[in-house]
Amino acid sequence: MRLGLGGLHWAVGFSLAAMASYAIYALLTRILTETESVDGMLIISAAVAMLTMTPSVITVWETP
C-alpha cells in the first residue's frame, strides 16, 4: 500500500461516482416512501434511469 493519491487510476472516479449515486438513491427512496406509493416509486426510478441513460445511448446506437 502506498501513501497518497499518486498511485490511483483515473477510473477510480467511476467507482466513487457510483457509490455516491447509490447513496443518494437510497436516501431519496427512504424519503419518498412517506409520500409516494410503490407503483409511483417504480415509475420514478424507471423514468430517472431512462432520462440519464438516453444521451449516452444515442451516441452509440446501431440499428440491428
Protein backbone atom coordinates (compact mmCIF):
# COMPACT_ATOMS: atom_id res chain seq x y z
CA MET A 1 0.00 0.00 0.00
CA ARG A 2 1.31 3.42 -0.96
CA LEU A 3 0.58 6.68 0.75
CA GLY A 4 -1.02 9.46 -1.23
CA LEU A 5 -3.23 9.55 -4.29
CA GLY A 6 -0.49 9.29 -6.92
CA GLY A 7 -0.99 5.56 -7.43
CA LEU A 8 -4.71 5.75 -8.13
CA HIS A 9 -6.03 5.15 -11.61
CA TRP A 10 -8.36 7.80 -13.04
CA ALA A 11 -11.15 5.21 -13.36
CA VAL A 12 -11.46 5.09 -9.58
CA GLY A 13 -13.65 8.16 -10.06
CA PHE A 14 -16.31 5.94 -11.67
CA SER A 15 -16.46 3.79 -8.55
CA LEU A 16 -16.75 6.84 -6.34
CA ALA A 17 -19.48 8.30 -8.55
CA ALA A 18 -21.39 5.01 -8.45
CA MET A 19 -21.10 4.91 -4.68
CA ALA A 20 -22.36 8.48 -4.34
CA SER A 21 -25.22 7.83 -6.77
CA TYR A 22 -26.35 4.76 -4.86
CA ALA A 23 -26.19 6.65 -1.56
CA ILE A 24 -28.36 9.44 -2.98
CA TYR A 25 -30.77 6.84 -4.42
CA ALA A 26 -31.08 5.11 -1.03
CA LEU A 27 -31.71 8.38 0.79
CA LEU A 28 -34.28 9.60 -1.73
CA THR A 29 -36.06 6.25 -1.66
CA ARG A 30 -36.35 6.44 2.11
CA ILE A 31 -37.72 10.00 1.89
CA LEU A 32 -40.18 9.17 -0.91
CA THR A 33 -41.72 6.22 0.97
CA GLU A 34 -43.60 8.71 3.14
CA THR A 35 -45.42 10.36 0.25
CA GLU A 36 -45.34 8.00 -2.76
CA SER A 37 -46.90 4.63 -3.47
CA VAL A 38 -44.83 1.62 -4.52
CA ASP A 39 -46.06 1.93 -8.11
CA GLY A 40 -45.14 5.61 -8.20
CA MET A 41 -41.66 4.90 -6.91
CA LEU A 42 -41.10 2.24 -9.57
CA ILE A 43 -42.19 4.66 -12.29
CA ILE A 44 -39.94 7.42 -10.88
CA SER A 45 -36.95 5.04 -10.75
CA ALA A 46 -37.51 3.91 -14.33
CA ALA A 47 -38.01 7.46 -15.60
CA VAL A 48 -34.84 8.76 -13.94
CA ALA A 49 -32.79 5.86 -15.31
CA MET A 50 -34.22 6.38 -18.79
CA LEU A 51 -33.55 10.12 -18.76
CA THR A 52 -29.99 9.78 -17.51
CA MET A 53 -29.02 6.99 -19.92
CA THR A 54 -30.65 8.33 -23.09
CA PRO A 55 -27.87 10.79 -24.04
CA SER A 56 -25.17 8.11 -23.90
CA VAL A 57 -27.29 5.56 -25.78
CA ILE A 58 -28.00 7.98 -28.63
CA THR A 59 -24.27 8.40 -29.29
CA VAL A 60 -23.55 4.67 -29.68
CA TRP A 61 -26.81 3.20 -31.01
CA GLU A 62 -26.58 0.97 -34.09
CA THR A 63 -29.74 -0.31 -35.73
CA PRO A 64 -29.76 -4.12 -35.67
